């Protein structure tokens, strides 16, 4: 679990990660602290923040996009 958690952190959470997600510094710090002793809940805060951002920003923009509007015709 430790190896997988580290890989997820390095790919998505850490600053300048290849596929970095948009979360605040506090959430990144808490997530990094959680990785000292990884558990199934180590990424819970980050996941909640990402879902909230998607709900408030990404999804509404996608639904209004021309691409989506063409798909639902």
C-alpha atoms as a PDB file:
ATOM      1  CA  UNK A   1       0.000   0.000   0.000  1.00  0.00           C
ATOM      2  CA  UNK A   2       2.856   2.374   0.805  1.00  0.00           C
ATOM      3  CA  UNK A   3       4.354   2.044  -2.668  1.00  0.00           C
ATOM      4  CA  UNK A   4       1.018   2.619  -4.416  1.00  0.00           C
ATOM      5  CA  UNK A   5       0.201   5.618  -2.223  1.00  0.00           C
ATOM      6  CA  UNK A   6       3.579   7.172  -2.985  1.00  0.00           C
ATOM      7  CA  UNK A   7       3.066   6.627  -6.707  1.00  0.00           C
ATOM      8  CA  UNK A   8      -0.376   8.294  -6.593  1.00  0.00           C
ATOM      9  CA  UNK A   9       1.044  11.224  -4.638  1.00  0.00           C
ATOM     10  CA  UNK A  10       3.939  11.703  -7.044  1.00  0.00           C
ATOM     11  CA  UNK A  11       1.757  11.474 -10.142  1.00  0.00           C
ATOM     12  CA  UNK A  12      -1.231  13.572  -9.044  1.00  0.00           C
ATOM     13  CA  UNK A  13      -0.702  15.509  -5.808  1.00  0.00           C
ATOM     14  CA  UNK A  14       2.820  16.832  -5.438  1.00  0.00           C
ATOM     15  CA  UNK A  15       3.673  20.228  -6.889  1.00  0.00           C
ATOM     16  CA  UNK A  16       4.556  19.972 -10.592  1.00  0.00           C
ATOM     17  CA  UNK A  17       3.408  16.338 -10.755  1.00  0.00           C
ATOM     18  CA  UNK A  18       2.915  15.053 -14.326  1.00  0.00           C
ATOM     19  CA  UNK A  19      -0.884  14.952 -13.867  1.00  0.00           C
ATOM     20  CA  UNK A  20      -1.201  17.407 -10.978  1.00  0.00           C
ATOM     21  CA  UNK A  21      -4.737  18.036  -9.741  1.00  0.00           C
ATOM     22  CA  UNK A  22      -5.823  21.467  -8.610  1.00  0.00           C
ATOM     23  CA  UNK A  23      -5.959  21.338  -4.806  1.00  0.00           C
ATOM     24  CA  UNK A  24      -4.898  23.836  -2.185  1.00  0.00           C
ATOM     25  CA  UNK A  25      -1.616  23.783  -0.278  1.00  0.00           C
ATOM     26  CA  UNK A  26      -3.282  22.738   2.996  1.00  0.00           C
ATOM     27  CA  UNK A  27      -4.871  19.666   1.386  1.00  0.00           C
ATOM     28  CA  UNK A  28      -1.548  18.717  -0.199  1.00  0.00           C
ATOM     29  CA  UNK A  29       0.177  19.029   3.176  1.00  0.00           C
ATOM     30  CA  UNK A  30      -2.433  16.892   4.947  1.00  0.00           C
ATOM     31  CA  UNK A  31      -2.213  14.265   2.222  1.00  0.00           C
ATOM     32  CA  UNK A  32       1.568  14.180   2.447  1.00  0.00           C
ATOM     33  CA  UNK A  33       1.335  13.806   6.243  1.00  0.00           C
ATOM     34  CA  UNK A  34      -1.140  10.933   5.790  1.00  0.00           C
ATOM     35  CA  UNK A  35       1.426   9.085   3.686  1.00  0.00           C
ATOM     36  CA  UNK A  36       3.766   8.663   6.672  1.00  0.00           C
ATOM     37  CA  UNK A  37       1.503   5.738   7.577  1.00  0.00           C
ATOM     38  CA  UNK A  38      -0.671   5.097   4.500  1.00  0.00           C
ATOM     39  CA  UNK A  39      -4.197   3.818   4.973  1.00  0.00           C
ATOM     40  CA  UNK A  40      -7.270   3.458   2.771  1.00  0.00           C
ATOM     41  CA  UNK A  41      -8.315   6.963   3.877  1.00  0.00           C
ATOM     42  CA  UNK A  42      -5.000   8.718   3.122  1.00  0.00           C
ATOM     43  CA  UNK A  43      -6.413  10.518   0.084  1.00  0.00           C
ATOM     44  CA  UNK A  44      -9.937  11.181   1.396  1.00  0.00           C
ATOM     45  CA  UNK A  45      -9.508  14.940   1.903  1.00  0.00           C
ATOM     46  CA  UNK A  46      -7.921  15.375  -1.525  1.00  0.00           C
ATOM     47  CA  UNK A  47     -10.703  13.326  -3.113  1.00  0.00           C
ATOM     48  CA  UNK A  48     -13.397  15.442  -1.445  1.00  0.00           C
ATOM     49  CA  UNK A  49     -11.741  18.675  -2.602  1.00  0.00           C
ATOM     50  CA  UNK A  50     -11.403  17.393  -6.163  1.00  0.00           C
ATOM     51  CA  UNK A  51     -15.038  16.256  -6.293  1.00  0.00           C
ATOM     52  CA  UNK A  52     -16.164  19.651  -4.953  1.00  0.00           C
ATOM     53  CA  UNK A  53     -14.128  21.460  -7.624  1.00  0.00           C
ATOM     54  CA  UNK A  54     -15.550  19.223 -10.319  1.00  0.00           C
ATOM     55  CA  UNK A  55     -19.104  19.828  -9.094  1.00  0.00           C
ATOM     56  CA  UNK A  56     -18.740  23.601  -8.866  1.00  0.00           C
ATOM     57  CA  UNK A  57     -16.497  24.295 -11.852  1.00  0.00           C
ATOM     58  CA  UNK A  58     -15.545  21.554 -14.307  1.00  0.00           C
ATOM     59  CA  UNK A  59     -18.917  19.871 -14.719  1.00  0.00           C
ATOM     60  CA  UNK A  60     -20.951  23.068 -15.234  1.00  0.00           C
ATOM     61  CA  UNK A  61     -18.430  24.305 -17.814  1.00  0.00           C
ATOM     62  CA  UNK A  62     -18.553  20.962 -19.617  1.00  0.00           C
ATOM     63  CA  UNK A  63     -22.356  20.886 -19.644  1.00  0.00           C
ATOM     64  CA  UNK A  64     -22.405  24.382 -21.179  1.00  0.00           C
ATOM     65  CA  UNK A  65     -19.725  23.522 -23.732  1.00  0.00           C
ATOM     66  CA  UNK A  66     -20.458  23.338 -27.428  1.00  0.00           C
ATOM     67  CA  UNK A  67     -18.978  19.839 -27.508  1.00  0.00           C
ATOM     68  CA  UNK A  68     -21.463  18.510 -24.946  1.00  0.00           C
ATOM     69  CA  UNK A  69     -24.360  20.354 -26.509  1.00  0.00           C
ATOM     70  CA  UNK A  70     -23.621  18.655 -29.815  1.00  0.00           C
ATOM     71  CA  UNK A  71     -23.462  15.240 -28.132  1.00  0.00           C
ATOM     72  CA  UNK A  72     -26.899  15.512 -26.577  1.00  0.00           C
ATOM     73  CA  UNK A  73     -28.656  16.466 -29.813  1.00  0.00           C
END
